[in-house]
Amino acid sequence: MSLPPRHWRVLVREHDGSESESTYEQPGGEPPPIPQVVIVVGGNRSRRVVVDDVSTVDPPPGWVGVIRARPVTGTAAD
């Protein structure tokens, strides 16, 4: 029997300094993402981001925690 996915709130610091919000669906049974790892967020309008920080302290209702991230650029992180 597989575990259900866990949902994270993702705050992405954009190149222009603004912040956008997205979601990350973590497959059941997998450990939380760690800093410097690239994850895919956003469901139908998915995009790749680099994790900067992960927090499970006082998550918003319905979420596992909050991930702070930045867009993937055309560098080695890509």
PDB file of N, CA and C in Angstrom:
ATOM      1  N   MET A   1       0.839  -1.182   0.000  1.00  0.00           N
ATOM      2  CA  MET A   1       0.000   0.000   0.000  1.00  0.00           C
ATOM      3  C   MET A   1       0.884   1.245   0.000  1.00  0.00           C
ATOM      4  N   SER A   2       0.625   2.149  -0.900  1.00  0.00           N
ATOM      5  CA  SER A   2       1.449   3.361  -0.981  1.00  0.00           C
ATOM      6  C   SER A   2       0.884   4.457  -0.085  1.00  0.00           C
ATOM      7  N   LEU A   3       1.771   5.298   0.388  1.00  0.00           N
ATOM      8  CA  LEU A   3       1.375   6.419   1.241  1.00  0.00           C
ATOM      9  C   LEU A   3       0.842   7.560   0.388  1.00  0.00           C
ATOM     10  N   PRO A   4      -0.097   8.343   0.904  1.00  0.00           N
ATOM     11  CA  PRO A   4      -0.622   9.472   0.131  1.00  0.00           C
ATOM     12  C   PRO A   4       0.430  10.578  -0.003  1.00  0.00           C
ATOM     13  N   PRO A   5       0.334  11.383  -1.052  1.00  0.00           N
ATOM     14  CA  PRO A   5       1.282  12.490  -1.203  1.00  0.00           C
ATOM     15  C   PRO A   5       1.084  13.538  -0.113  1.00  0.00           C
ATOM     16  N   ARG A   6       2.136  14.293   0.134  1.00  0.00           N
ATOM     17  CA  ARG A   6       2.086  15.386   1.110  1.00  0.00           C
ATOM     18  C   ARG A   6       2.229  16.696   0.345  1.00  0.00           C
ATOM     19  N   HIS A   7       1.515  17.723   0.780  1.00  0.00           N
ATOM     20  CA  HIS A   7       1.490  18.989   0.055  1.00  0.00           C
ATOM     21  C   HIS A   7       2.208  20.085   0.836  1.00  0.00           C
ATOM     22  N   TRP A   8       3.100  20.764   0.141  1.00  0.00           N
ATOM     23  CA  TRP A   8       3.893  21.854   0.700  1.00  0.00           C
ATOM     24  C   TRP A   8       3.501  23.172   0.048  1.00  0.00           C
ATOM     25  N   ARG A   9       3.502  24.227   0.819  1.00  0.00           N
ATOM     26  CA  ARG A   9       3.350  25.589   0.283  1.00  0.00           C
ATOM     27  C   ARG A   9       4.746  26.032  -0.130  1.00  0.00           C
ATOM     28  N   VAL A  10       4.872  26.569  -1.344  1.00  0.00           N
ATOM     29  CA  VAL A  10       6.176  26.993  -1.858  1.00  0.00           C
ATOM     30  C   VAL A  10       6.139  28.490  -2.154  1.00  0.00           C
ATOM     31  N   LEU A  11       7.075  29.214  -1.567  1.00  0.00           N
ATOM     32  CA  LEU A  11       7.226  30.645  -1.834  1.00  0.00           C
ATOM     33  C   LEU A  11       8.485  30.814  -2.672  1.00  0.00           C
ATOM     34  N   VAL A  12       8.310  31.343  -3.886  1.00  0.00           N
ATOM     35  CA  VAL A  12       9.422  31.473  -4.827  1.00  0.00           C
ATOM     36  C   VAL A  12       9.829  32.936  -4.931  1.00  0.00           C
ATOM     37  N   ARG A  13      11.092  33.222  -4.619  1.00  0.00           N
ATOM     38  CA  ARG A  13      11.648  34.566  -4.768  1.00  0.00           C
ATOM     39  C   ARG A  13      12.064  34.710  -6.220  1.00  0.00           C
ATOM     40  N   GLU A  14      11.316  35.542  -6.968  1.00  0.00           N
ATOM     41  CA  GLU A  14      11.557  35.719  -8.403  1.00  0.00           C
ATOM     42  C   GLU A  14      12.797  36.572  -8.663  1.00  0.00           C
ATOM     43  N   HIS A  15      13.264  36.566  -9.906  1.00  0.00           N
ATOM     44  CA  HIS A  15      14.457  37.329 -10.289  1.00  0.00           C
ATOM     45  C   HIS A  15      14.314  38.826 -10.032  1.00  0.00           C
ATOM     46  N   ASP A  16      13.078  39.343 -10.154  1.00  0.00           N
ATOM     47  CA  ASP A  16      12.852  40.780  -9.955  1.00  0.00           C
ATOM     48  C   ASP A  16      12.647  41.152  -8.490  1.00  0.00           C
ATOM     49  N   GLY A  17      12.772  40.175  -7.572  1.00  0.00           N
ATOM     50  CA  GLY A  17      12.619  40.444  -6.149  1.00  0.00           C
ATOM     51  C   GLY A  17      11.216  40.185  -5.619  1.00  0.00           C
ATOM     52  N   SER A  18      10.251  40.010  -6.509  1.00  0.00           N
ATOM     53  CA  SER A  18       8.893  39.718  -6.056  1.00  0.00           C
ATOM     54  C   SER A  18       8.814  38.266  -5.579  1.00  0.00           C
ATOM     55  N   GLU A  19       7.703  37.918  -4.950  1.00  0.00           N
ATOM     56  CA  GLU A  19       7.530  36.561  -4.449  1.00  0.00           C
ATOM     57  C   GLU A  19       6.237  35.981  -5.003  1.00  0.00           C
ATOM     58  N   SER A  20       6.300  34.765  -5.505  1.00  0.00           N
ATOM     59  CA  SER A  20       5.103  34.081  -5.977  1.00  0.00           C
ATOM     60  C   SER A  20       4.885  32.836  -5.122  1.00  0.00           C
ATOM     61  N   GLU A  21       3.665  32.329  -5.173  1.00  0.00           N
ATOM     62  CA  GLU A  21       3.311  31.162  -4.371  1.00  0.00           C
ATOM     63  C   GLU A  21       2.930  30.009  -5.273  1.00  0.00           C
ATOM     64  N   SER A  22       3.320  28.809  -4.874  1.00  0.00           N
ATOM     65  CA  SER A  22       3.001  27.617  -5.637  1.00  0.00           C
ATOM     66  C   SER A  22       2.833  26.459  -4.662  1.00  0.00           C
ATOM     67  N   THR A  23       2.676  25.254  -5.186  1.00  0.00           N
ATOM     68  CA  THR A  23       2.571  24.064  -4.344  1.00  0.00           C
ATOM     69  C   THR A  23       3.549  23.003  -4.832  1.00  0.00           C
ATOM     70  N   TYR A  24       3.948  22.157  -3.906  1.00  0.00           N
ATOM     71  CA  TYR A  24       4.793  21.009  -4.232  1.00  0.00           C
ATOM     72  C   TYR A  24       4.112  19.778  -3.663  1.00  0.00           C
ATOM     73  N   GLU A  25       3.868  18.793  -4.503  1.00  0.00           N
ATOM     74  CA  GLU A  25       3.279  17.539  -4.063  1.00  0.00           C
ATOM     75  C   GLU A  25       4.398  16.524  -3.910  1.00  0.00           C
ATOM     76  N   GLN A  26       4.707  16.217  -2.662  1.00  0.00           N
ATOM     77  CA  GLN A  26       5.776  15.274  -2.354  1.00  0.00           C
ATOM     78  C   GLN A  26       5.208  13.863  -2.387  1.00  0.00           C
ATOM     79  N   PRO A  27       5.804  12.967  -3.174  1.00  0.00           N
ATOM     80  CA  PRO A  27       5.309  11.594  -3.208  1.00  0.00           C
ATOM     81  C   PRO A  27       5.325  10.967  -1.809  1.00  0.00           C
ATOM     82  N   GLY A  28       4.312  10.190  -1.493  1.00  0.00           N
ATOM     83  CA  GLY A  28       4.228   9.539  -0.189  1.00  0.00           C
ATOM     84  C   GLY A  28       5.446   8.687   0.096  1.00  0.00           C
ATOM     85  N   GLY A  29       5.945   8.778   1.321  1.00  0.00           N
ATOM     86  CA  GLY A  29       7.088   7.973   1.732  1.00  0.00           C
ATOM     87  C   GLY A  29       8.445   8.585   1.446  1.00  0.00           C
ATOM     88  N   GLU A  30       8.506   9.640   0.642  1.00  0.00           N
ATOM     89  CA  GLU A  30       9.788  10.287   0.353  1.00  0.00           C
ATOM     90  C   GLU A  30      10.142  11.277   1.457  1.00  0.00           C
ATOM     91  N   PRO A  31      11.452  11.466   1.726  1.00  0.00           N
ATOM     92  CA  PRO A  31      11.830  12.464   2.731  1.00  0.00           C
ATOM     93  C   PRO A  31      11.578  13.874   2.195  1.00  0.00           C
ATOM     94  N   PRO A  32      11.467  14.859   3.086  1.00  0.00           N
ATOM     95  CA  PRO A  32      11.273  16.245   2.634  1.00  0.00           C
ATOM     96  C   PRO A  32      12.431  16.703   1.758  1.00  0.00           C
ATOM     97  N   PRO A  33      12.186  17.665   0.871  1.00  0.00           N
ATOM     98  CA  PRO A  33      13.273  18.198   0.049  1.00  0.00           C
ATOM     99  C   PRO A  33      14.310  18.892   0.933  1.00  0.00           C
ATOM    100  N   ILE A  34      15.522  18.972   0.450  1.00  0.00           N
ATOM    101  CA  ILE A  34      16.600  19.630   1.180  1.00  0.00           C
ATOM    102  C   ILE A  34      17.132  20.801   0.357  1.00  0.00           C
ATOM    103  N   PRO A  35      17.788  21.764   1.019  1.00  0.00           N
ATOM    104  CA  PRO A  35      18.338  22.911   0.282  1.00  0.00           C
ATOM    105  C   PRO A  35      19.270  22.486  -0.849  1.00  0.00           C
ATOM    106  N   GLN A  36      19.228  23.270  -1.915  1.00  0.00           N
ATOM    107  CA  GLN A  36      20.042  23.124  -3.122  1.00  0.00           C
ATOM    108  C   GLN A  36      19.538  22.042  -4.078  1.00  0.00           C
ATOM    109  N   VAL A  37      18.417  21.395  -3.749  1.00  0.00           N
ATOM    110  CA  VAL A  37      17.835  20.385  -4.627  1.00  0.00           C
ATOM    111  C   VAL A  37      16.810  21.057  -5.527  1.00  0.00           C
ATOM    112  N   VAL A  38      16.721  20.614  -6.772  1.00  0.00           N
ATOM    113  CA  VAL A  38      15.733  21.137  -7.718  1.00  0.00           C
ATOM    114  C   VAL A  38      14.467  20.288  -7.606  1.00  0.00           C
ATOM    115  N   ILE A  39      13.314  20.960  -7.442  1.00  0.00           N
ATOM    116  CA  ILE A  39      12.018  20.276  -7.398  1.00  0.00           C
ATOM    117  C   ILE A  39      11.104  20.893  -8.447  1.00  0.00           C
ATOM    118  N   VAL A  40      10.055  20.169  -8.806  1.00  0.00           N
ATOM    119  CA  VAL A  40       9.055  20.669  -9.752  1.00  0.00           C
ATOM    120  C   VAL A  40       7.818  21.053  -8.942  1.00  0.00           C
ATOM    121  N   VAL A  41       7.376  22.289  -9.107  1.00  0.00           N
ATOM    122  CA  VAL A  41       6.219  22.796  -8.373  1.00  0.00           C
ATOM    123  C   VAL A  41       5.143  23.252  -9.351  1.00  0.00           C
ATOM    124  N   GLY A  42       3.907  23.363  -8.860  1.00  0.00           N
ATOM    125  CA  GLY A  42       2.881  24.049  -9.618  1.00  0.00           C
ATOM    126  C   GLY A  42       1.852  23.253 -10.355  1.00  0.00           C
ATOM    127  N   GLY A  43       1.870  21.935 -10.306  1.00  0.00           N
ATOM    128  CA  GLY A  43       0.804  21.169 -10.961  1.00  0.00           C
ATOM    129  C   GLY A  43       0.768  21.354 -12.465  1.00  0.00           C
ATOM    130  N   ASN A  44      -0.376  21.848 -13.014  1.00  0.00           N
ATOM    131  CA  ASN A  44      -0.544  21.988 -14.470  1.00  0.00           C
ATOM    132  C   ASN A  44       0.443  22.977 -15.092  1.00  0.00           C
ATOM    133  N   ARG A  45       0.751  24.042 -14.366  1.00  0.00           N
ATOM    134  CA  ARG A  45       1.709  25.034 -14.871  1.00  0.00           C
ATOM    135  C   ARG A  45       3.028  24.839 -14.142  1.00  0.00           C
ATOM    136  N   SER A  46       3.610  23.660 -14.271  1.00  0.00           N
ATOM    137  CA  SER A  46       4.787  23.305 -13.487  1.00  0.00           C
ATOM    138  C   SER A  46       6.029  24.076 -13.929  1.00  0.00           C
ATOM    139  N   ARG A  47       6.917  24.230 -12.952  1.00  0.00           N
ATOM    140  CA  ARG A  47       8.213  24.861 -13.202  1.00  0.00           C
ATOM    141  C   ARG A  47       9.209  24.295 -12.216  1.00  0.00           C
ATOM    142  N   ARG A  48      10.471  24.419 -12.550  1.00  0.00           N
ATOM    143  CA  ARG A  48      11.537  23.919 -11.695  1.00  0.00           C
ATOM    144  C   ARG A  48      12.086  25.047 -10.841  1.00  0.00           C
ATOM    145  N   VAL A  49      12.293  24.742  -9.560  1.00  0.00           N
ATOM    146  CA  VAL A  49      12.858  25.714  -8.630  1.00  0.00           C
ATOM    147  C   VAL A  49      13.931  25.041  -7.791  1.00  0.00           C
ATOM    148  N   VAL A  50      14.846  25.861  -7.252  1.00  0.00           N
ATOM    149  CA  VAL A  50      15.897  25.380  -6.363  1.00  0.00           C
ATOM    150  C   VAL A  50      15.463  25.669  -4.930  1.00  0.00           C
ATOM    151  N   VAL A  51      15.469  24.661  -4.086  1.00  0.00           N
ATOM    152  CA  VAL A  51      15.083  24.818  -2.686  1.00  0.00           C
ATOM    153  C   VAL A  51      16.164  25.602  -1.938  1.00  0.00           C
ATOM    154  N   ASP A  52      15.742  26.656  -1.225  1.00  0.00           N
ATOM    155  CA  ASP A  52      16.654  27.415  -0.369  1.00  0.00           C
ATOM    156  C   ASP A  52      16.476  27.058   1.098  1.00  0.00           C
ATOM    157  N   ASP A  53      15.234  26.809   1.528  1.00  0.00           N
ATOM    158  CA  ASP A  53      14.949  26.564   2.935  1.00  0.00           C
ATOM    159  C   ASP A  53      13.655  25.764   3.060  1.00  0.00           C
ATOM    160  N   VAL A  54      13.595  24.888   4.063  1.00  0.00           N
ATOM    161  CA  VAL A  54      12.405  24.083   4.322  1.00  0.00           C
ATOM    162  C   VAL A  54      12.028  24.249   5.785  1.00  0.00           C
ATOM    163  N   SER A  55      10.761  24.551   6.052  1.00  0.00           N
ATOM    164  CA  SER A  55      10.299  24.714   7.428  1.00  0.00           C
ATOM    165  C   SER A  55       9.025  23.920   7.659  1.00  0.00           C
ATOM    166  N   THR A  56       9.011  23.155   8.757  1.00  0.00           N
ATOM    167  CA  THR A  56       7.805  22.435   9.151  1.00  0.00           C
ATOM    168  C   THR A  56       7.239  22.996  10.456  1.00  0.00           C
ATOM    169  N   VAL A  57       7.762  24.135  10.892  1.00  0.00           N
ATOM    170  CA  VAL A  57       7.288  24.776  12.119  1.00  0.00           C
ATOM    171  C   VAL A  57       6.040  25.597  11.802  1.00  0.00           C
ATOM    172  N   ASP A  58       4.955  25.344  12.515  1.00  0.00           N
ATOM    173  CA  ASP A  58       3.691  26.056  12.325  1.00  0.00           C
ATOM    174  C   ASP A  58       3.267  26.159  10.862  1.00  0.00           C
ATOM    175  N   PRO A  59       3.097  25.026  10.180  1.00  0.00           N
ATOM    176  CA  PRO A  59       2.677  25.105   8.770  1.00  0.00           C
ATOM    177  C   PRO A  59       1.261  25.653   8.652  1.00  0.00           C
ATOM    178  N   PRO A  60       0.951  26.285   7.525  1.00  0.00           N
ATOM    179  CA  PRO A  60      -0.429  26.729   7.297  1.00  0.00           C
ATOM    180  C   PRO A  60      -1.365  25.513   7.331  1.00  0.00           C
ATOM    181  N   PRO A  61      -2.620  25.691   7.727  1.00  0.00           N
ATOM    182  CA  PRO A  61      -3.566  24.563   7.772  1.00  0.00           C
ATOM    183  C   PRO A  61      -3.629  23.826   6.429  1.00  0.00           C
ATOM    184  N   GLY A  62      -3.546  22.503   6.488  1.00  0.00           N
ATOM    185  CA  GLY A  62      -3.628  21.680   5.286  1.00  0.00           C
ATOM    186  C   GLY A  62      -2.297  21.437   4.600  1.00  0.00           C
ATOM    187  N   TRP A  63      -1.235  22.043   5.078  1.00  0.00           N
ATOM    188  CA  TRP A  63       0.088  21.910   4.461  1.00  0.00           C
ATOM    189  C   TRP A  63       1.036  21.176   5.412  1.00  0.00           C
ATOM    190  N   VAL A  64       2.054  20.530   4.862  1.00  0.00           N
ATOM    191  CA  VAL A  64       3.101  19.878   5.656  1.00  0.00           C
ATOM    192  C   VAL A  64       4.059  20.928   6.192  1.00  0.00           C
ATOM    193  N   GLY A  65       4.340  21.939   5.382  1.00  0.00           N
ATOM    194  CA  GLY A  65       5.278  22.984   5.755  1.00  0.00           C
ATOM    195  C   GLY A  65       5.439  23.980   4.626  1.00  0.00           C
ATOM    196  N   VAL A  66       6.470  24.819   4.750  1.00  0.00           N
ATOM    197  CA  VAL A  66       6.732  25.866   3.767  1.00  0.00           C
ATOM    198  C   VAL A  66       8.135  25.681   3.205  1.00  0.00           C
ATOM    199  N   ILE A  67       8.229  25.752   1.884  1.00  0.00           N
ATOM    200  CA  ILE A  67       9.514  25.684   1.187  1.00  0.00           C
ATOM    201  C   ILE A  67       9.780  27.059   0.584  1.00  0.00           C
ATOM    202  N   ARG A  68      10.946  27.624   0.847  1.00  0.00           N
ATOM    203  CA  ARG A  68      11.368  28.859   0.183  1.00  0.00           C
ATOM    204  C   ARG A  68      12.321  28.438  -0.932  1.00  0.00           C
ATOM    205  N   ALA A  69      12.114  29.010  -2.115  1.00  0.00           N
ATOM    206  CA  ALA A  69      12.864  28.566  -3.284  1.00  0.00           C
ATOM    207  C   ALA A  69      13.119  29.738  -4.224  1.00  0.00           C
ATOM    208  N   ARG A  70      13.895  29.462  -5.277  1.00  0.00           N
ATOM    209  CA  ARG A  70      14.166  30.448  -6.324  1.00  0.00           C
ATOM    210  C   ARG A  70      14.112  29.741  -7.674  1.00  0.00           C
ATOM    211  N   PRO A  71      13.826  30.490  -8.730  1.00  0.00           N
ATOM    212  CA  PRO A  71      13.752  29.848 -10.051  1.00  0.00           C
ATOM    213  C   PRO A  71      15.078  29.235 -10.460  1.00  0.00           C
ATOM    214  N   VAL A  72      15.001  28.152 -11.196  1.00  0.00           N
ATOM    215  CA  VAL A  72      16.208  27.537 -11.774  1.00  0.00           C
ATOM    216  C   VAL A  72      16.680  28.435 -12.904  1.00  0.00           C
ATOM    217  N   THR A  73      17.968  28.694 -12.938  1.00  0.00           N
ATOM    218  CA  THR A  73      18.534  29.471 -14.033  1.00  0.00           C
ATOM    219  C   THR A  73      19.327  28.534 -14.949  1.00  0.00           C
ATOM    220  N   GLY A  74      19.862  29.033 -15.995  1.00  0.00           N
ATOM    221  CA  GLY A  74      20.622  28.222 -16.945  1.00  0.00           C
ATOM    222  C   GLY A  74      22.043  27.943 -16.486  1.00  0.00           C
ATOM    223  N   THR A  75      22.233  27.664 -15.187  1.00  0.00           N
ATOM    224  CA  THR A  75      23.557  27.389 -14.650  1.00  0.00           C
ATOM    225  C   THR A  75      23.679  25.925 -14.275  1.00  0.00           C
ATOM    226  N   ALA A  76      24.674  25.593 -13.483  1.00  0.00           N
ATOM    227  CA  ALA A  76      24.919  24.212 -13.074  1.00  0.00           C
ATOM    228  C   ALA A  76      23.744  23.620 -12.299  1.00  0.00           C
ATOM    229  N   ALA A  77      22.927  24.459 -11.653  1.00  0.00           N
ATOM    230  CA  ALA A  77      21.774  23.948 -10.901  1.00  0.00           C
ATOM    231  C   ALA A  77      20.687  23.425 -11.832  1.00  0.00           C
ATOM    232  N   ASP A  78      20.776  23.754 -13.110  1.00  0.00           N
ATOM    233  CA  ASP A  78      19.763  23.376 -14.076  1.00  0.00           C
ATOM    234  C   ASP A  78      19.910  21.975 -14.529  1.00  0.00           C
TER     235      ASP A  78
END
